[in-house]
Amino acid sequence: MVFAALSDPTRRSIVRRLADGEATVLELAEPFPISLPAVSRHLKVLEEAGLISRRRDGQRRPCELRPEPLIEIAAWAEHTRAAWEQRLDRLDAHLQRASEPIRLPSSPSSPSTLETT
């Protein structure tokens, strides 16, 4: 659900903005050419994904980033990156071995290289 919530560029921008600190819906809506109800729908998606929280503060409803899901994604991505790095290192080593010329063992009765006359 987190990846789905972050798939939208507007929601990613909102998350980036909230990384700087809490903000109200009006503050979050300011840079976007969309209506307040549309921004509220984006915030609802982010809230349902656990990426933000909203609270009442008198007349204000500030939103704040909840970093836990992003920390989990970062840990998963690092684990996945490390696993792929190991696999690609093994593939590289295999390809290096495979590209080396094949050397036939030489014996006194047979030449080690073939010659044509």
PDB file of N, CA and C in Angstrom:
ATOM      1  N   MET A   1       0.817  -1.182   0.000  1.00  0.00           N
ATOM      2  CA  MET A   1       0.000   0.000   0.000  1.00  0.00           C
ATOM      3  C   MET A   1       0.872   1.261   0.000  1.00  0.00           C
ATOM      4  N   VAL A   2       2.052   1.171   0.619  1.00  0.00           N
ATOM      5  CA  VAL A   2       2.951   2.323   0.668  1.00  0.00           C
ATOM      6  C   VAL A   2       3.434   2.665  -0.739  1.00  0.00           C
ATOM      7  N   PHE A   3       3.833   1.646  -1.509  1.00  0.00           N
ATOM      8  CA  PHE A   3       4.305   1.913  -2.862  1.00  0.00           C
ATOM      9  C   PHE A   3       3.193   2.508  -3.721  1.00  0.00           C
ATOM     10  N   ALA A   4       1.988   2.020  -3.558  1.00  0.00           N
ATOM     11  CA  ALA A   4       0.858   2.569  -4.317  1.00  0.00           C
ATOM     12  C   ALA A   4       0.642   4.037  -3.948  1.00  0.00           C
ATOM     13  N   ALA A   5       0.729   4.351  -2.669  1.00  0.00           N
ATOM     14  CA  ALA A   5       0.546   5.739  -2.226  1.00  0.00           C
ATOM     15  C   ALA A   5       1.635   6.644  -2.784  1.00  0.00           C
ATOM     16  N   LEU A   6       2.847   6.122  -2.876  1.00  0.00           N
ATOM     17  CA  LEU A   6       3.966   6.928  -3.370  1.00  0.00           C
ATOM     18  C   LEU A   6       4.076   6.933  -4.892  1.00  0.00           C
ATOM     19  N   SER A   7       3.198   6.224  -5.578  1.00  0.00           N
ATOM     20  CA  SER A   7       3.276   6.164  -7.040  1.00  0.00           C
ATOM     21  C   SER A   7       2.843   7.472  -7.696  1.00  0.00           C
ATOM     22  N   ASP A   8       2.126   8.297  -6.973  1.00  0.00           N
ATOM     23  CA  ASP A   8       1.636   9.555  -7.524  1.00  0.00           C
ATOM     24  C   ASP A   8       2.633  10.692  -7.255  1.00  0.00           C
ATOM     25  N   PRO A   9       2.997  11.482  -8.269  1.00  0.00           N
ATOM     26  CA  PRO A   9       3.982  12.549  -8.061  1.00  0.00           C
ATOM     27  C   PRO A   9       3.528  13.626  -7.073  1.00  0.00           C
ATOM     28  N   THR A  10       2.233  13.913  -7.023  1.00  0.00           N
ATOM     29  CA  THR A  10       1.734  14.900  -6.059  1.00  0.00           C
ATOM     30  C   THR A  10       1.935  14.394  -4.641  1.00  0.00           C
ATOM     31  N   ARG A  11       1.627  13.135  -4.402  1.00  0.00           N
ATOM     32  CA  ARG A  11       1.799  12.576  -3.056  1.00  0.00           C
ATOM     33  C   ARG A  11       3.273  12.509  -2.680  1.00  0.00           C
ATOM     34  N   ARG A  12       4.141  12.186  -3.645  1.00  0.00           N
ATOM     35  CA  ARG A  12       5.581  12.195  -3.341  1.00  0.00           C
ATOM     36  C   ARG A  12       6.045  13.597  -2.967  1.00  0.00           C
ATOM     37  N   SER A  13       5.526  14.615  -3.650  1.00  0.00           N
ATOM     38  CA  SER A  13       5.879  16.001  -3.312  1.00  0.00           C
ATOM     39  C   SER A  13       5.393  16.371  -1.921  1.00  0.00           C
ATOM     40  N   ILE A  14       4.211  15.915  -1.568  1.00  0.00           N
ATOM     41  CA  ILE A  14       3.682  16.187  -0.229  1.00  0.00           C
ATOM     42  C   ILE A  14       4.571  15.532   0.828  1.00  0.00           C
ATOM     43  N   VAL A  15       4.984  14.299   0.587  1.00  0.00           N
ATOM     44  CA  VAL A  15       5.862  13.599   1.533  1.00  0.00           C
ATOM     45  C   VAL A  15       7.186  14.342   1.667  1.00  0.00           C
ATOM     46  N   ARG A  16       7.734  14.794   0.518  1.00  0.00           N
ATOM     47  CA  ARG A  16       8.993  15.575   0.579  1.00  0.00           C
ATOM     48  C   ARG A  16       8.811  16.835   1.402  1.00  0.00           C
ATOM     49  N   ARG A  17       7.683  17.517   1.205  1.00  0.00           N
ATOM     50  CA  ARG A  17       7.425  18.747   1.967  1.00  0.00           C
ATOM     51  C   ARG A  17       7.308  18.444   3.454  1.00  0.00           C
ATOM     52  N   LEU A  18       6.632  17.373   3.810  1.00  0.00           N
ATOM     53  CA  LEU A  18       6.448  17.026   5.221  1.00  0.00           C
ATOM     54  C   LEU A  18       7.742  16.536   5.872  1.00  0.00           C
ATOM     55  N   ALA A  19       8.714  16.162   5.079  1.00  0.00           N
ATOM     56  CA  ALA A  19      10.018  15.793   5.639  1.00  0.00           C
ATOM     57  C   ALA A  19      10.680  17.006   6.290  1.00  0.00           C
ATOM     58  N   ASP A  20      10.279  18.212   5.875  1.00  0.00           N
ATOM     59  CA  ASP A  20      10.812  19.445   6.470  1.00  0.00           C
ATOM     60  C   ASP A  20      10.088  19.845   7.746  1.00  0.00           C
ATOM     61  N   GLY A  21       8.959  19.218   8.022  1.00  0.00           N
ATOM     62  CA  GLY A  21       8.190  19.540   9.229  1.00  0.00           C
ATOM     63  C   GLY A  21       6.707  19.542   8.932  1.00  0.00           C
ATOM     64  N   GLU A  22       5.900  19.626   9.994  1.00  0.00           N
ATOM     65  CA  GLU A  22       4.454  19.560   9.808  1.00  0.00           C
ATOM     66  C   GLU A  22       3.944  20.762   9.019  1.00  0.00           C
ATOM     67  N   ALA A  23       2.765  20.558   8.409  1.00  0.00           N
ATOM     68  CA  ALA A  23       2.146  21.600   7.605  1.00  0.00           C
ATOM     69  C   ALA A  23       0.640  21.382   7.584  1.00  0.00           C
ATOM     70  N   THR A  24      -0.075  22.458   7.371  1.00  0.00           N
ATOM     71  CA  THR A  24      -1.533  22.365   7.263  1.00  0.00           C
ATOM     72  C   THR A  24      -1.902  21.991   5.830  1.00  0.00           C
ATOM     73  N   VAL A  25      -3.167  21.655   5.642  1.00  0.00           N
ATOM     74  CA  VAL A  25      -3.652  21.310   4.306  1.00  0.00           C
ATOM     75  C   VAL A  25      -3.466  22.499   3.364  1.00  0.00           C
ATOM     76  N   LEU A  26      -3.769  23.698   3.832  1.00  0.00           N
ATOM     77  CA  LEU A  26      -3.599  24.891   2.986  1.00  0.00           C
ATOM     78  C   LEU A  26      -2.141  25.078   2.584  1.00  0.00           C
ATOM     79  N   GLU A  27      -1.231  24.878   3.503  1.00  0.00           N
ATOM     80  CA  GLU A  27       0.196  25.009   3.191  1.00  0.00           C
ATOM     81  C   GLU A  27       0.636  23.948   2.190  1.00  0.00           C
ATOM     82  N   LEU A  28       0.124  22.739   2.354  1.00  0.00           N
ATOM     83  CA  LEU A  28       0.490  21.650   1.438  1.00  0.00           C
ATOM     84  C   LEU A  28      -0.111  21.864   0.053  1.00  0.00           C
ATOM     85  N   ALA A  29      -1.300  22.472   0.000  1.00  0.00           N
ATOM     86  CA  ALA A  29      -1.998  22.665  -1.277  1.00  0.00           C
ATOM     87  C   ALA A  29      -1.407  23.804  -2.093  1.00  0.00           C
ATOM     88  N   GLU A  30      -0.732  24.730  -1.448  1.00  0.00           N
ATOM     89  CA  GLU A  30      -0.271  25.955  -2.106  1.00  0.00           C
ATOM     90  C   GLU A  30       0.469  25.744  -3.430  1.00  0.00           C
ATOM     91  N   PRO A  31       1.443  24.842  -3.514  1.00  0.00           N
ATOM     92  CA  PRO A  31       2.190  24.750  -4.779  1.00  0.00           C
ATOM     93  C   PRO A  31       1.488  23.974  -5.902  1.00  0.00           C
ATOM     94  N   PHE A  32       0.320  23.406  -5.634  1.00  0.00           N
ATOM     95  CA  PHE A  32      -0.322  22.539  -6.629  1.00  0.00           C
ATOM     96  C   PHE A  32      -1.512  23.229  -7.307  1.00  0.00           C
ATOM     97  N   PRO A  33      -1.666  23.039  -8.604  1.00  0.00           N
ATOM     98  CA  PRO A  33      -2.800  23.625  -9.326  1.00  0.00           C
ATOM     99  C   PRO A  33      -4.044  22.733  -9.247  1.00  0.00           C
ATOM    100  N   ILE A  34      -4.333  22.235  -8.034  1.00  0.00           N
ATOM    101  CA  ILE A  34      -5.504  21.366  -7.844  1.00  0.00           C
ATOM    102  C   ILE A  34      -6.321  21.906  -6.686  1.00  0.00           C
ATOM    103  N   SER A  35      -7.539  21.446  -6.578  1.00  0.00           N
ATOM    104  CA  SER A  35      -8.456  21.939  -5.553  1.00  0.00           C
ATOM    105  C   SER A  35      -8.092  21.403  -4.166  1.00  0.00           C
ATOM    106  N   LEU A  36      -8.600  22.062  -3.137  1.00  0.00           N
ATOM    107  CA  LEU A  36      -8.388  21.579  -1.766  1.00  0.00           C
ATOM    108  C   LEU A  36      -8.972  20.186  -1.551  1.00  0.00           C
ATOM    109  N   PRO A  37     -10.171  19.895  -2.082  1.00  0.00           N
ATOM    110  CA  PRO A  37     -10.678  18.528  -1.930  1.00  0.00           C
ATOM    111  C   PRO A  37      -9.748  17.481  -2.569  1.00  0.00           C
ATOM    112  N   ALA A  38      -9.118  17.829  -3.688  1.00  0.00           N
ATOM    113  CA  ALA A  38      -8.190  16.890  -4.325  1.00  0.00           C
ATOM    114  C   ALA A  38      -6.970  16.671  -3.437  1.00  0.00           C
ATOM    115  N   VAL A  39      -6.461  17.736  -2.832  1.00  0.00           N
ATOM    116  CA  VAL A  39      -5.326  17.602  -1.907  1.00  0.00           C
ATOM    117  C   VAL A  39      -5.737  16.759  -0.713  1.00  0.00           C
ATOM    118  N   SER A  40      -6.937  16.973  -0.220  1.00  0.00           N
ATOM    119  CA  SER A  40      -7.432  16.179   0.914  1.00  0.00           C
ATOM    120  C   SER A  40      -7.517  14.701   0.563  1.00  0.00           C
ATOM    121  N   ARG A  41      -7.913  14.389  -0.667  1.00  0.00           N
ATOM    122  CA  ARG A  41      -7.959  12.978  -1.089  1.00  0.00           C
ATOM    123  C   ARG A  41      -6.547  12.388  -1.121  1.00  0.00           C
ATOM    124  N   HIS A  42      -5.578  13.166  -1.602  1.00  0.00           N
ATOM    125  CA  HIS A  42      -4.185  12.704  -1.586  1.00  0.00           C
ATOM    126  C   HIS A  42      -3.728  12.449  -0.145  1.00  0.00           C
ATOM    127  N   LEU A  43      -4.081  13.352   0.747  1.00  0.00           N
ATOM    128  CA  LEU A  43      -3.686  13.190   2.148  1.00  0.00           C
ATOM    129  C   LEU A  43      -4.334  11.949   2.761  1.00  0.00           C
ATOM    130  N   LYS A  44      -5.570  11.679   2.380  1.00  0.00           N
ATOM    131  CA  LYS A  44      -6.254  10.489   2.888  1.00  0.00           C
ATOM    132  C   LYS A  44      -5.524   9.224   2.451  1.00  0.00           C
ATOM    133  N   VAL A  45      -5.084   9.177   1.193  1.00  0.00           N
ATOM    134  CA  VAL A  45      -4.339   8.014   0.689  1.00  0.00           C
ATOM    135  C   VAL A  45      -3.039   7.848   1.483  1.00  0.00           C
ATOM    136  N   LEU A  46      -2.329   8.962   1.700  1.00  0.00           N
ATOM    137  CA  LEU A  46      -1.071   8.904   2.459  1.00  0.00           C
ATOM    138  C   LEU A  46      -1.313   8.469   3.904  1.00  0.00           C
ATOM    139  N   GLU A  47      -2.407   8.942   4.476  1.00  0.00           N
ATOM    140  CA  GLU A  47      -2.741   8.573   5.857  1.00  0.00           C
ATOM    141  C   GLU A  47      -3.104   7.091   5.956  1.00  0.00           C
ATOM    142  N   GLU A  48      -3.878   6.592   5.002  1.00  0.00           N
ATOM    143  CA  GLU A  48      -4.261   5.174   5.010  1.00  0.00           C
ATOM    144  C   GLU A  48      -3.046   4.266   4.813  1.00  0.00           C
ATOM    145  N   ALA A  49      -2.036   4.765   4.118  1.00  0.00           N
ATOM    146  CA  ALA A  49      -0.807   3.993   3.913  1.00  0.00           C
ATOM    147  C   ALA A  49       0.129   4.090   5.118  1.00  0.00           C
ATOM    148  N   GLY A  50      -0.242   4.905   6.095  1.00  0.00           N
ATOM    149  CA  GLY A  50       0.579   5.052   7.296  1.00  0.00           C
ATOM    150  C   GLY A  50       1.753   5.999   7.131  1.00  0.00           C
ATOM    151  N   LEU A  51       1.760   6.781   6.047  1.00  0.00           N
ATOM    152  CA  LEU A  51       2.880   7.678   5.779  1.00  0.00           C
ATOM    153  C   LEU A  51       2.761   9.029   6.477  1.00  0.00           C
ATOM    154  N   ILE A  52       1.528   9.439   6.782  1.00  0.00           N
ATOM    155  CA  ILE A  52       1.342  10.705   7.492  1.00  0.00           C
ATOM    156  C   ILE A  52       0.312  10.512   8.597  1.00  0.00           C
ATOM    157  N   SER A  53       0.308  11.452   9.511  1.00  0.00           N
ATOM    158  CA  SER A  53      -0.755  11.494  10.515  1.00  0.00           C
ATOM    159  C   SER A  53      -1.297  12.917  10.553  1.00  0.00           C
ATOM    160  N   ARG A  54      -2.580  13.025  10.906  1.00  0.00           N
ATOM    161  CA  ARG A  54      -3.223  14.340  11.026  1.00  0.00           C
ATOM    162  C   ARG A  54      -3.816  14.442  12.417  1.00  0.00           C
ATOM    163  N   ARG A  55      -3.783  15.652  12.960  1.00  0.00           N
ATOM    164  CA  ARG A  55      -4.359  15.878  14.287  1.00  0.00           C
ATOM    165  C   ARG A  55      -5.052  17.229  14.309  1.00  0.00           C
ATOM    166  N   ARG A  56      -5.851  17.437  15.313  1.00  0.00           N
ATOM    167  CA  ARG A  56      -6.526  18.726  15.501  1.00  0.00           C
ATOM    168  C   ARG A  56      -5.704  19.567  16.459  1.00  0.00           C
ATOM    169  N   ASP A  57      -5.531  20.824  16.094  1.00  0.00           N
ATOM    170  CA  ASP A  57      -4.838  21.787  16.943  1.00  0.00           C
ATOM    171  C   ASP A  57      -5.646  23.078  16.882  1.00  0.00           C
ATOM    172  N   GLY A  58      -6.728  23.116  17.670  1.00  0.00           N
ATOM    173  CA  GLY A  58      -7.648  24.252  17.584  1.00  0.00           C
ATOM    174  C   GLY A  58      -8.323  24.256  16.224  1.00  0.00           C
ATOM    175  N   GLN A  59      -8.177  25.343  15.479  1.00  0.00           N
ATOM    176  CA  GLN A  59      -8.752  25.456  14.147  1.00  0.00           C
ATOM    177  C   GLN A  59      -7.888  24.760  13.086  1.00  0.00           C
ATOM    178  N   ARG A  60      -6.656  24.476  13.412  1.00  0.00           N
ATOM    179  CA  ARG A  60      -5.717  23.890  12.449  1.00  0.00           C
ATOM    180  C   ARG A  60      -5.795  22.366  12.458  1.00  0.00           C
ATOM    181  N   ARG A  61      -5.454  21.771  11.324  1.00  0.00           N
ATOM    182  CA  ARG A  61      -5.297  20.311  11.232  1.00  0.00           C
ATOM    183  C   ARG A  61      -3.947  20.015  10.617  1.00  0.00           C
ATOM    184  N   PRO A  62      -2.889  20.132  11.399  1.00  0.00           N
ATOM    185  CA  PRO A  62      -1.561  19.898  10.827  1.00  0.00           C
ATOM    186  C   PRO A  62      -1.342  18.421  10.475  1.00  0.00           C
ATOM    187  N   CYS A  63      -0.559  18.234   9.434  1.00  0.00           N
ATOM    188  CA  CYS A  63      -0.162  16.899   8.988  1.00  0.00           C
ATOM    189  C   CYS A  63       1.313  16.748   9.286  1.00  0.00           C
ATOM    190  N   GLU A  64       1.707  15.534   9.642  1.00  0.00           N
ATOM    191  CA  GLU A  64       3.129  15.282   9.838  1.00  0.00           C
ATOM    192  C   GLU A  64       3.501  13.928   9.251  1.00  0.00           C
ATOM    193  N   LEU A  65       4.754  13.836   8.875  1.00  0.00           N
ATOM    194  CA  LEU A  65       5.279  12.616   8.274  1.00  0.00           C
ATOM    195  C   LEU A  65       5.485  11.556   9.344  1.00  0.00           C
ATOM    196  N   ARG A  66       5.126  10.342   9.026  1.00  0.00           N
ATOM    197  CA  ARG A  66       5.424   9.192   9.880  1.00  0.00           C
ATOM    198  C   ARG A  66       6.530   8.419   9.175  1.00  0.00           C
ATOM    199  N   PRO A  67       7.757   8.452   9.677  1.00  0.00           N
ATOM    200  CA  PRO A  67       8.888   7.884   8.942  1.00  0.00           C
ATOM    201  C   PRO A  67       8.984   6.361   8.966  1.00  0.00           C
ATOM    202  N   GLU A  68       8.249   5.691   9.829  1.00  0.00           N
ATOM    203  CA  GLU A  68       8.407   4.241   9.973  1.00  0.00           C
ATOM    204  C   GLU A  68       8.258   3.474   8.657  1.00  0.00           C
ATOM    205  N   PRO A  69       7.211   3.728   7.851  1.00  0.00           N
ATOM    206  CA  PRO A  69       7.111   2.983   6.588  1.00  0.00           C
ATOM    207  C   PRO A  69       8.287   3.260   5.641  1.00  0.00           C
ATOM    208  N   LEU A  70       8.789   4.493   5.646  1.00  0.00           N
ATOM    209  CA  LEU A  70       9.918   4.827   4.778  1.00  0.00           C
ATOM    210  C   LEU A  70      11.189   4.141   5.259  1.00  0.00           C
ATOM    211  N   ILE A  71      11.339   4.007   6.564  1.00  0.00           N
ATOM    212  CA  ILE A  71      12.500   3.298   7.121  1.00  0.00           C
ATOM    213  C   ILE A  71      12.437   1.823   6.724  1.00  0.00           C
ATOM    214  N   GLU A  72      11.239   1.245   6.772  1.00  0.00           N
ATOM    215  CA  GLU A  72      11.064  -0.161   6.364  1.00  0.00           C
ATOM    216  C   GLU A  72      11.397  -0.339   4.881  1.00  0.00           C
ATOM    217  N   ILE A  73      10.960   0.600   4.038  1.00  0.00           N
ATOM    218  CA  ILE A  73      11.268   0.520   2.607  1.00  0.00           C
ATOM    219  C   ILE A  73      12.767   0.626   2.385  1.00  0.00           C
ATOM    220  N   ALA A  74      13.417   1.538   3.097  1.00  0.00           N
ATOM    221  CA  ALA A  74      14.864   1.706   2.942  1.00  0.00           C
ATOM    222  C   ALA A  74      15.604   0.427   3.343  1.00  0.00           C
ATOM    223  N   ALA A  75      15.176  -0.205   4.427  1.00  0.00           N
ATOM    224  CA  ALA A  75      15.818  -1.451   4.860  1.00  0.00           C
ATOM    225  C   ALA A  75      15.604  -2.558   3.827  1.00  0.00           C
ATOM    226  N   TRP A  76      14.387  -2.670   3.307  1.00  0.00           N
ATOM    227  CA  TRP A  76      14.095  -3.674   2.279  1.00  0.00           C
ATOM    228  C   TRP A  76      14.935  -3.408   1.032  1.00  0.00           C
ATOM    229  N   ALA A  77      15.002  -2.143   0.604  1.00  0.00           N
ATOM    230  CA  ALA A  77      15.765  -1.800  -0.602  1.00  0.00           C
ATOM    231  C   ALA A  77      17.244  -2.107  -0.409  1.00  0.00           C
ATOM    232  N   GLU A  78      17.780  -1.841   0.765  1.00  0.00           N
ATOM    233  CA  GLU A  78      19.196  -2.125   1.026  1.00  0.00           C
ATOM    234  C   GLU A  78      19.450  -3.630   0.995  1.00  0.00           C
ATOM    235  N   HIS A  79      18.565  -4.400   1.603  1.00  0.00           N
ATOM    236  CA  HIS A  79      18.700  -5.860   1.586  1.00  0.00           C
ATOM    237  C   HIS A  79      18.651  -6.381   0.146  1.00  0.00           C
ATOM    238  N   THR A  80      17.700  -5.884  -0.622  1.00  0.00           N
ATOM    239  CA  THR A  80      17.549  -6.301  -2.013  1.00  0.00           C
ATOM    240  C   THR A  80      18.764  -5.886  -2.836  1.00  0.00           C
ATOM    241  N   ARG A  81      19.267  -4.667  -2.635  1.00  0.00           N
ATOM    242  CA  ARG A  81      20.439  -4.194  -3.358  1.00  0.00           C
ATOM    243  C   ARG A  81      21.644  -5.080  -3.059  1.00  0.00           C
ATOM    244  N   ALA A  82      21.847  -5.419  -1.787  1.00  0.00           N
ATOM    245  CA  ALA A  82      22.983  -6.260  -1.404  1.00  0.00           C
ATOM    246  C   ALA A  82      22.868  -7.652  -2.042  1.00  0.00           C
ATOM    247  N   ALA A  83      21.682  -8.214  -2.048  1.00  0.00           N
ATOM    248  CA  ALA A  83      21.494  -9.539  -2.646  1.00  0.00           C
ATOM    249  C   ALA A  83      21.792  -9.496  -4.144  1.00  0.00           C
ATOM    250  N   TRP A  84      21.287  -8.483  -4.845  1.00  0.00           N
ATOM    251  CA  TRP A  84      21.548  -8.379  -6.279  1.00  0.00           C
ATOM    252  C   TRP A  84      23.010  -8.094  -6.563  1.00  0.00           C
ATOM    253  N   GLU A  85      23.639  -7.306  -5.709  1.00  0.00           N
ATOM    254  CA  GLU A  85      25.065  -7.022  -5.896  1.00  0.00           C
ATOM    255  C   GLU A  85      25.885  -8.309  -5.820  1.00  0.00           C
ATOM    256  N   GLN A  86      25.556  -9.176  -4.859  1.00  0.00           N
ATOM    257  CA  GLN A  86      26.254 -10.460  -4.751  1.00  0.00           C
ATOM    258  C   GLN A  86      26.010 -11.317  -5.987  1.00  0.00           C
ATOM    259  N   ARG A  87      24.778 -11.366  -6.442  1.00  0.00           N
ATOM    260  CA  ARG A  87      24.458 -12.167  -7.633  1.00  0.00           C
ATOM    261  C   ARG A  87      25.206 -11.645  -8.865  1.00  0.00           C
ATOM    262  N   LEU A  88      25.219 -10.339  -9.022  1.00  0.00           N
ATOM    263  CA  LEU A  88      25.895  -9.764 -10.184  1.00  0.00           C
ATOM    264  C   LEU A  88      27.412  -9.945 -10.096  1.00  0.00           C
ATOM    265  N   ASP A  89      27.973  -9.903  -8.887  1.00  0.00           N
ATOM    266  CA  ASP A  89      29.406 -10.167  -8.722  1.00  0.00           C
ATOM    267  C   ASP A  89      29.729 -11.606  -9.136  1.00  0.00           C
ATOM    268  N   ARG A  90      28.869 -12.563  -8.742  1.00  0.00           N
ATOM    269  CA  ARG A  90      29.081 -13.957  -9.141  1.00  0.00           C
ATOM    270  C   ARG A  90      28.953 -14.127 -10.649  1.00  0.00           C
ATOM    271  N   LEU A  91      27.971 -13.438 -11.251  1.00  0.00           N
ATOM    272  CA  LEU A  91      27.813 -13.499 -12.700  1.00  0.00           C
ATOM    273  C   LEU A  91      29.036 -12.918 -13.392  1.00  0.00           C
ATOM    274  N   ASP A  92      29.549 -11.801 -12.902  1.00  0.00           N
ATOM    275  CA  ASP A  92      30.739 -11.184 -13.484  1.00  0.00           C
ATOM    276  C   ASP A  92      31.932 -12.138 -13.412  1.00  0.00           C
ATOM    277  N   ALA A  93      32.125 -12.776 -12.264  1.00  0.00           N
ATOM    278  CA  ALA A  93      33.236 -13.727 -12.115  1.00  0.00           C
ATOM    279  C   ALA A  93      33.078 -14.890 -13.090  1.00  0.00           C
ATOM    280  N   HIS A  94      31.864 -15.379 -13.229  1.00  0.00           N
ATOM    281  CA  HIS A  94      31.609 -16.479 -14.168  1.00  0.00           C
ATOM    282  C   HIS A  94      31.912 -16.046 -15.600  1.00  0.00           C
ATOM    283  N   LEU A  95      31.471 -14.864 -15.983  1.00  0.00           N
ATOM    284  CA  LEU A  95      31.710 -14.382 -17.337  1.00  0.00           C
ATOM    285  C   LEU A  95      33.193 -14.141 -17.588  1.00  0.00           C
ATOM    286  N   GLN A  96      33.908 -13.692 -16.567  1.00  0.00           N
ATOM    287  CA  GLN A  96      35.356 -13.519 -16.708  1.00  0.00           C
ATOM    288  C   GLN A  96      36.029 -14.862 -16.965  1.00  0.00           C
ATOM    289  N   ARG A  97      35.626 -15.882 -16.194  1.00  0.00           N
ATOM    290  CA  ARG A  97      36.201 -17.222 -16.400  1.00  0.00           C
ATOM    291  C   ARG A  97      35.835 -17.767 -17.778  1.00  0.00           C
ATOM    292  N   ALA A  98      34.610 -17.537 -18.198  1.00  0.00           N
ATOM    293  CA  ALA A  98      34.131 -18.065 -19.477  1.00  0.00           C
ATOM    294  C   ALA A  98      34.809 -17.380 -20.663  1.00  0.00           C
ATOM    295  N   SER A  99      35.268 -16.161 -20.487  1.00  0.00           N
ATOM    296  CA  SER A  99      35.886 -15.458 -21.609  1.00  0.00           C
ATOM    297  C   SER A  99      37.383 -15.716 -21.727  1.00  0.00           C
ATOM    298  N   GLU A 100      37.955 -16.404 -20.760  1.00  0.00           N
ATOM    299  CA  GLU A 100      39.378 -16.744 -20.847  1.00  0.00           C
ATOM    300  C   GLU A 100      39.566 -17.814 -21.914  1.00  0.00           C
ATOM    301  N   PRO A 101      40.693 -17.745 -22.681  1.00  0.00           N
ATOM    302  CA  PRO A 101      40.909 -18.769 -23.712  1.00  0.00           C
ATOM    303  C   PRO A 101      41.114 -20.139 -23.078  1.00  0.00           C
ATOM    304  N   ILE A 102      40.630 -21.129 -23.780  1.00  0.00           N
ATOM    305  CA  ILE A 102      40.782 -22.499 -23.288  1.00  0.00           C
ATOM    306  C   ILE A 102      42.191 -22.968 -23.640  1.00  0.00           C
ATOM    307  N   ARG A 103      42.903 -23.410 -22.669  1.00  0.00           N
ATOM    308  CA  ARG A 103      44.269 -23.910 -22.878  1.00  0.00           C
ATOM    309  C   ARG A 103      44.250 -25.423 -22.761  1.00  0.00           C
ATOM    310  N   LEU A 104      44.708 -26.060 -23.809  1.00  0.00           N
ATOM    311  CA  LEU A 104      44.805 -27.510 -23.802  1.00  0.00           C
ATOM    312  C   LEU A 104      46.120 -27.896 -23.144  1.00  0.00           C
ATOM    313  N   PRO A 105      46.114 -28.949 -22.375  1.00  0.00           N
ATOM    314  CA  PRO A 105      47.382 -29.372 -21.768  1.00  0.00           C
ATOM    315  C   PRO A 105      48.348 -29.816 -22.864  1.00  0.00           C
ATOM    316  N   SER A 106      49.582 -29.393 -22.764  1.00  0.00           N
ATOM    317  CA  SER A 106      50.562 -29.769 -23.790  1.00  0.00           C
ATOM    318  C   SER A 106      51.275 -31.049 -23.363  1.00  0.00           C
ATOM    319  N   SER A 107      51.561 -31.880 -24.358  1.00  0.00           N
ATOM    320  CA  SER A 107      52.311 -33.106 -24.106  1.00  0.00           C
ATOM    321  C   SER A 107      53.461 -33.142 -25.109  1.00  0.00           C
ATOM    322  N   PRO A 108      54.509 -33.852 -24.811  1.00  0.00           N
ATOM    323  CA  PRO A 108      55.661 -33.878 -25.726  1.00  0.00           C
ATOM    324  C   PRO A 108      55.318 -34.411 -27.109  1.00  0.00           C
ATOM    325  N   SER A 109      54.305 -35.275 -27.236  1.00  0.00           N
ATOM    326  CA  SER A 109      54.016 -35.867 -28.538  1.00  0.00           C
ATOM    327  C   SER A 109      53.020 -35.050 -29.352  1.00  0.00           C
ATOM    328  N   SER A 110      52.344 -34.087 -28.733  1.00  0.00           N
ATOM    329  CA  SER A 110      51.375 -33.292 -29.505  1.00  0.00           C
ATOM    330  C   SER A 110      51.634 -31.813 -29.287  1.00  0.00           C
ATOM    331  N   PRO A 111      51.522 -31.014 -30.330  1.00  0.00           N
ATOM    332  CA  PRO A 111      51.745 -29.572 -30.171  1.00  0.00           C
ATOM    333  C   PRO A 111      50.594 -28.949 -29.380  1.00  0.00           C
ATOM    334  N   SER A 112      50.884 -27.887 -28.632  1.00  0.00           N
ATOM    335  CA  SER A 112      49.865 -27.236 -27.815  1.00  0.00           C
ATOM    336  C   SER A 112      48.998 -26.321 -28.658  1.00  0.00           C
ATOM    337  N   THR A 113      49.464 -25.926 -29.818  1.00  0.00           N
ATOM    338  CA  THR A 113      48.639 -25.117 -30.704  1.00  0.00           C
ATOM    339  C   THR A 113      48.553 -25.822 -32.043  1.00  0.00           C
ATOM    340  N   LEU A 114      47.489 -25.596 -32.747  1.00  0.00           N
ATOM    341  CA  LEU A 114      47.313 -26.210 -34.059  1.00  0.00           C
ATOM    342  C   LEU A 114      47.915 -25.296 -35.111  1.00  0.00           C
ATOM    343  N   GLU A 115      48.682 -25.883 -36.044  1.00  0.00           N
ATOM    344  CA  GLU A 115      49.245 -25.125 -37.138  1.00  0.00           C
ATOM    345  C   GLU A 115      48.727 -25.695 -38.434  1.00  0.00           C
ATOM    346  N   THR A 116      48.488 -24.836 -39.382  1.00  0.00           N
ATOM    347  CA  THR A 116      48.070 -25.299 -40.705  1.00  0.00           C
ATOM    348  C   THR A 116      49.183 -24.987 -41.700  1.00  0.00           C
ATOM    349  N   THR A 117      49.387 -25.859 -42.629  1.00  0.00           N
ATOM    350  CA  THR A 117      50.394 -25.654 -43.670  1.00  0.00           C
ATOM    351  C   THR A 117      49.798 -25.552 -45.020  1.00  0.00           C
TER     352      THR A 117
END
